[in-house]
Amino acid sequence: AMACPWNVVMNPGPPEQVMMASAAFEVVHQVESVLTVYRQESDVSRINRQAAESPQRVDESLYWFLTWCRDLSARAEGAFDPASGALIRLWRDCR
């Protein structure tokens, strides 16, 4: 997800735990489909392309997530910065 390899390692257990892990993977993929800058069709990619031209409509859940990130950044006095453009450019250069 987000151009990073990752895995979930679980001890064998009841089938419902395996299903919960599967559901967690699905949530990660859903979030990635909205937030990724690696896919042109994601909401964040669209906003990045078009927001300088005109206001953009966003899904309510994305709006609240971005609002939460902004508020968290303010409370953390900038220690948390949801703007990742510079970090992504650095990541691409290092790869």
Protein backbone atom coordinates (compact mmCIF):
# COMPACT_ATOMS: atom_id res chain seq x y z
CA ALA A 1 0.00 0.00 0.00
CA MET A 2 1.17 3.53 -0.79
CA ALA A 3 4.13 2.07 -2.70
CA CYS A 4 5.45 0.39 0.44
CA PRO A 5 5.60 -3.36 0.97
CA TRP A 6 4.03 -4.57 4.20
CA ASN A 7 2.68 -7.75 5.70
CA VAL A 8 0.47 -8.90 8.53
CA VAL A 9 1.71 -11.94 10.41
CA MET A 10 -0.80 -13.80 12.56
CA ASN A 11 -0.77 -16.92 14.61
CA PRO A 12 -3.32 -19.40 13.32
CA GLY A 13 -6.53 -18.88 15.14
CA PRO A 14 -10.28 -18.99 14.81
CA PRO A 15 -11.66 -18.26 11.33
CA GLU A 16 -13.24 -15.00 12.53
CA GLN A 17 -9.77 -13.63 13.33
CA VAL A 18 -8.59 -14.46 9.83
CA MET A 19 -11.66 -12.69 8.47
CA MET A 20 -10.88 -9.61 10.62
CA ALA A 21 -7.35 -9.51 9.18
CA SER A 22 -8.80 -9.77 5.69
CA ALA A 23 -11.20 -6.93 6.49
CA ALA A 24 -8.27 -4.83 7.76
CA PHE A 25 -6.48 -5.32 4.44
CA GLU A 26 -9.62 -4.17 2.64
CA VAL A 27 -9.77 -1.00 4.76
CA VAL A 28 -6.13 -0.24 3.93
CA HIS A 29 -6.84 -0.60 0.22
CA GLN A 30 -9.95 1.60 0.47
CA VAL A 31 -8.02 4.33 2.29
CA GLU A 32 -5.17 4.07 -0.20
CA SER A 33 -7.57 4.46 -3.12
CA VAL A 34 -8.62 7.85 -1.70
CA LEU A 35 -5.34 9.19 -0.28
CA THR A 36 -2.65 7.95 -2.64
CA VAL A 37 -0.77 10.33 -4.90
CA TYR A 38 0.50 7.36 -6.90
CA ARG A 39 -2.81 6.94 -8.77
CA GLN A 40 -4.20 9.72 -10.93
CA GLU A 41 -7.80 8.73 -10.14
CA SER A 42 -7.53 9.08 -6.35
CA ASP A 43 -9.36 11.94 -4.65
CA VAL A 44 -6.14 13.44 -3.30
CA SER A 45 -4.46 13.34 -6.72
CA ARG A 46 -7.49 15.04 -8.25
CA ILE A 47 -7.52 17.70 -5.54
CA ASN A 48 -3.79 18.30 -5.97
CA ARG A 49 -4.27 18.81 -9.71
CA GLN A 50 -7.37 20.99 -9.62
CA ALA A 51 -7.58 22.88 -6.31
CA ALA A 52 -5.50 25.82 -7.53
CA GLU A 53 -8.03 26.35 -10.34
CA SER A 54 -11.27 26.14 -8.37
CA PRO A 55 -12.79 24.84 -5.13
CA GLN A 56 -13.10 21.05 -5.14
CA ARG A 57 -15.85 18.84 -3.77
CA VAL A 58 -14.64 16.00 -1.59
CA ASP A 59 -16.31 13.05 0.05
CA GLU A 60 -17.51 13.87 3.56
CA SER A 61 -15.23 11.27 5.16
CA LEU A 62 -12.19 12.73 3.37
CA TYR A 63 -13.21 16.23 4.48
CA TRP A 64 -13.42 15.16 8.12
CA PHE A 65 -10.12 13.24 7.87
CA LEU A 66 -8.31 16.27 6.43
CA THR A 67 -9.91 18.52 9.05
CA TRP A 68 -8.77 16.13 11.78
CA CYS A 69 -5.21 16.17 10.34
CA ARG A 70 -5.19 19.97 10.29
CA ASP A 71 -6.40 20.15 13.88
CA LEU A 72 -3.89 17.52 15.02
CA SER A 73 -1.08 19.49 13.37
CA ALA A 74 -2.17 22.62 15.23
CA ARG A 75 -2.37 20.81 18.57
CA ALA A 76 1.05 19.24 17.97
CA GLU A 77 2.44 22.70 17.14
CA GLY A 78 3.60 21.42 13.75
CA ALA A 79 5.25 18.21 15.02
CA PHE A 80 2.70 16.37 12.87
CA ASP A 81 2.51 17.69 9.32
CA PRO A 82 -0.11 16.09 7.06
CA ALA A 83 1.38 17.78 3.98
CA SER A 84 3.56 15.11 2.44
CA GLY A 85 4.59 16.55 -0.93
CA ALA A 86 8.20 17.30 0.05
CA LEU A 87 8.55 13.91 1.72
CA ILE A 88 7.14 12.11 -1.34
CA ARG A 89 9.55 13.95 -3.65
CA LEU A 90 12.45 12.97 -1.37
CA TRP A 91 11.21 9.36 -1.28
CA ARG A 92 11.07 9.24 -5.10
CA ASP A 93 14.59 10.68 -5.39
CA CYS A 94 15.96 8.13 -2.92
CA ARG A 95 14.33 5.17 -4.65
